[in-house]
Amino acid sequence: MPKKLSVIDTDLCVGWIMGFTASAIILSTTIFGLLSSYHAKKSKAKLLGVAGLAVFFMGLIYIGTFIDFILVVTTKNNLTPNNLYVLVSYSFIAPGLIFAMYLVPN
């Protein structure tokens, strides 16, 4: 008798992919943002420091997804309430845009 094929839970797979992607984005933008700020301070380049801060804050847009992923992995519960997820994720857009607007010439 042939073996039954197991069904893959697609929601679980999508959650893991989103969690790993958010982790990679936060890690890479934090590293690149802090390196840019360090090199800006070292070479006294103002715009490079502002670009580093803009990259850092834009990467933190995924912090809600990252926190939710860490909570699911450690406690098996999602971030509640859902409004907190939105507040944590999108509160970093304003500082990121302010630093990005400083980079655009008049």
C-alpha atoms as a PDB file:
ATOM      1  CA  MET A   1       0.000   0.000   0.000  1.00  0.00           C
ATOM      2  CA  PRO A   2       1.485   3.398  -0.997  1.00  0.00           C
ATOM      3  CA  LYS A   3       2.391   5.922   1.679  1.00  0.00           C
ATOM      4  CA  LYS A   4       0.178   8.948   2.164  1.00  0.00           C
ATOM      5  CA  LEU A   5       1.756  12.223   1.247  1.00  0.00           C
ATOM      6  CA  SER A   6       1.830  14.723   4.061  1.00  0.00           C
ATOM      7  CA  VAL A   7       0.305  18.119   3.520  1.00  0.00           C
ATOM      8  CA  ILE A   8       2.573  21.099   4.059  1.00  0.00           C
ATOM      9  CA  ASP A   9       1.106  23.909   6.118  1.00  0.00           C
ATOM     10  CA  THR A  10       1.608  26.873   3.791  1.00  0.00           C
ATOM     11  CA  ASP A  11       0.817  29.470   6.466  1.00  0.00           C
ATOM     12  CA  LEU A  12       3.617  28.096   8.610  1.00  0.00           C
ATOM     13  CA  CYS A  13       6.056  28.160   5.692  1.00  0.00           C
ATOM     14  CA  VAL A  14       5.102  31.716   4.772  1.00  0.00           C
ATOM     15  CA  GLY A  15       5.520  32.785   8.394  1.00  0.00           C
ATOM     16  CA  TRP A  16       9.010  31.308   8.597  1.00  0.00           C
ATOM     17  CA  ILE A  17      10.007  32.889   5.281  1.00  0.00           C
ATOM     18  CA  MET A  18       8.704  36.298   6.400  1.00  0.00           C
ATOM     19  CA  GLY A  19      10.479  35.953   9.740  1.00  0.00           C
ATOM     20  CA  PHE A  20      13.821  35.047   8.222  1.00  0.00           C
ATOM     21  CA  THR A  21      13.486  37.779   5.600  1.00  0.00           C
ATOM     22  CA  ALA A  22      12.680  40.402   8.244  1.00  0.00           C
ATOM     23  CA  SER A  23      15.630  39.210  10.333  1.00  0.00           C
ATOM     24  CA  ALA A  24      17.972  39.495   7.354  1.00  0.00           C
ATOM     25  CA  ILE A  25      16.686  42.960   6.432  1.00  0.00           C
ATOM     26  CA  ILE A  26      17.024  44.284   9.969  1.00  0.00           C
ATOM     27  CA  LEU A  27      20.491  42.788  10.387  1.00  0.00           C
ATOM     28  CA  SER A  28      21.790  44.072   7.040  1.00  0.00           C
ATOM     29  CA  THR A  29      20.334  47.581   7.307  1.00  0.00           C
ATOM     30  CA  THR A  30      21.595  47.923  10.868  1.00  0.00           C
ATOM     31  CA  ILE A  31      25.090  46.898   9.803  1.00  0.00           C
ATOM     32  CA  PHE A  32      25.125  49.111   6.682  1.00  0.00           C
ATOM     33  CA  GLY A  33      23.572  52.064   8.503  1.00  0.00           C
ATOM     34  CA  LEU A  34      26.022  51.914  11.394  1.00  0.00           C
ATOM     35  CA  LEU A  35      28.986  51.385   9.050  1.00  0.00           C
ATOM     36  CA  SER A  36      27.929  54.391   6.976  1.00  0.00           C
ATOM     37  CA  SER A  37      27.595  56.509  10.098  1.00  0.00           C
ATOM     38  CA  TYR A  38      31.007  55.343  11.322  1.00  0.00           C
ATOM     39  CA  HIS A  39      32.685  56.147   8.015  1.00  0.00           C
ATOM     40  CA  ALA A  40      30.896  59.495   7.882  1.00  0.00           C
ATOM     41  CA  LYS A  41      32.212  60.430  11.298  1.00  0.00           C
ATOM     42  CA  LYS A  42      35.673  59.223  10.363  1.00  0.00           C
ATOM     43  CA  SER A  43      35.792  61.141   7.068  1.00  0.00           C
ATOM     44  CA  LYS A  44      33.641  64.092   8.234  1.00  0.00           C
ATOM     45  CA  ALA A  45      31.074  63.540   5.461  1.00  0.00           C
ATOM     46  CA  LYS A  46      27.703  64.854   6.637  1.00  0.00           C
ATOM     47  CA  LEU A  47      25.550  63.377   3.873  1.00  0.00           C
ATOM     48  CA  LEU A  48      26.981  59.903   4.357  1.00  0.00           C
ATOM     49  CA  GLY A  49      25.975  60.017   8.019  1.00  0.00           C
ATOM     50  CA  VAL A  50      22.471  61.134   7.132  1.00  0.00           C
ATOM     51  CA  ALA A  51      22.237  58.356   4.527  1.00  0.00           C
ATOM     52  CA  GLY A  52      23.347  55.854   7.164  1.00  0.00           C
ATOM     53  CA  LEU A  53      20.612  57.011   9.520  1.00  0.00           C
ATOM     54  CA  ALA A  54      18.015  56.870   6.737  1.00  0.00           C
ATOM     55  CA  VAL A  55      19.021  53.292   5.879  1.00  0.00           C
ATOM     56  CA  PHE A  56      18.937  52.302   9.547  1.00  0.00           C
ATOM     57  CA  PHE A  57      15.439  53.685  10.144  1.00  0.00           C
ATOM     58  CA  MET A  58      14.030  52.331   6.878  1.00  0.00           C
ATOM     59  CA  GLY A  59      15.240  48.871   7.818  1.00  0.00           C
ATOM     60  CA  LEU A  60      13.434  49.122  11.133  1.00  0.00           C
ATOM     61  CA  ILE A  61      10.114  49.147   9.262  1.00  0.00           C
ATOM     62  CA  TYR A  62      10.323  45.349   9.532  1.00  0.00           C
ATOM     63  CA  ILE A  63      10.775  45.336  13.320  1.00  0.00           C
ATOM     64  CA  GLY A  64       7.126  44.364  13.888  1.00  0.00           C
ATOM     65  CA  THR A  65       7.487  41.285  11.690  1.00  0.00           C
ATOM     66  CA  PHE A  66      10.761  40.440  13.421  1.00  0.00           C
ATOM     67  CA  ILE A  67       9.286  40.787  16.924  1.00  0.00           C
ATOM     68  CA  ASP A  68       6.269  38.705  15.924  1.00  0.00           C
ATOM     69  CA  PHE A  69       8.578  36.012  14.526  1.00  0.00           C
ATOM     70  CA  ILE A  70      10.671  35.922  17.707  1.00  0.00           C
ATOM     71  CA  LEU A  71       7.531  35.714  19.857  1.00  0.00           C
ATOM     72  CA  VAL A  72       6.112  32.861  17.775  1.00  0.00           C
ATOM     73  CA  VAL A  73       9.396  30.948  17.954  1.00  0.00           C
ATOM     74  CA  THR A  74       9.826  31.420  21.705  1.00  0.00           C
ATOM     75  CA  THR A  75       6.279  31.499  23.103  1.00  0.00           C
ATOM     76  CA  LYS A  76       4.149  30.076  20.230  1.00  0.00           C
ATOM     77  CA  ASN A  77       1.913  33.188  20.439  1.00  0.00           C
ATOM     78  CA  ASN A  78       1.596  36.070  18.001  1.00  0.00           C
ATOM     79  CA  LEU A  79       2.072  39.714  18.879  1.00  0.00           C
ATOM     80  CA  THR A  80      -1.205  40.939  20.360  1.00  0.00           C
ATOM     81  CA  PRO A  81      -3.039  43.234  19.878  1.00  0.00           C
ATOM     82  CA  ASN A  82      -2.660  43.649  16.129  1.00  0.00           C
ATOM     83  CA  ASN A  83      -2.577  47.437  16.549  1.00  0.00           C
ATOM     84  CA  LEU A  84       0.722  47.055  18.404  1.00  0.00           C
ATOM     85  CA  TYR A  85       2.208  45.270  15.376  1.00  0.00           C
ATOM     86  CA  VAL A  86       1.279  48.199  13.130  1.00  0.00           C
ATOM     87  CA  LEU A  87       2.455  50.809  15.633  1.00  0.00           C
ATOM     88  CA  VAL A  88       5.842  49.159  16.106  1.00  0.00           C
ATOM     89  CA  SER A  89       6.382  48.582  12.390  1.00  0.00           C
ATOM     90  CA  TYR A  90       5.371  51.951  10.995  1.00  0.00           C
ATOM     91  CA  SER A  91       6.634  54.277  13.717  1.00  0.00           C
ATOM     92  CA  PHE A  92      10.064  54.272  12.066  1.00  0.00           C
ATOM     93  CA  ILE A  93       8.845  55.603   8.719  1.00  0.00           C
ATOM     94  CA  ALA A  94       8.728  59.244   9.868  1.00  0.00           C
ATOM     95  CA  PRO A  95      12.357  59.479  11.080  1.00  0.00           C
ATOM     96  CA  GLY A  96      13.542  57.562   8.017  1.00  0.00           C
ATOM     97  CA  LEU A  97      11.703  59.897   5.665  1.00  0.00           C
ATOM     98  CA  ILE A  98      12.978  62.983   7.472  1.00  0.00           C
ATOM     99  CA  PHE A  99      16.579  61.836   7.017  1.00  0.00           C
ATOM    100  CA  ALA A 100      15.876  60.792   3.405  1.00  0.00           C
ATOM    101  CA  MET A 101      14.328  64.193   2.603  1.00  0.00           C
ATOM    102  CA  TYR A 102      17.486  65.864   3.848  1.00  0.00           C
ATOM    103  CA  LEU A 103      19.427  63.956   1.172  1.00  0.00           C
ATOM    104  CA  VAL A 104      17.281  65.221  -1.728  1.00  0.00           C
ATOM    105  CA  PRO A 105      18.661  68.438  -3.245  1.00  0.00           C
ATOM    106  CA  ASN A 106      16.439  71.497  -3.545  1.00  0.00           C
END
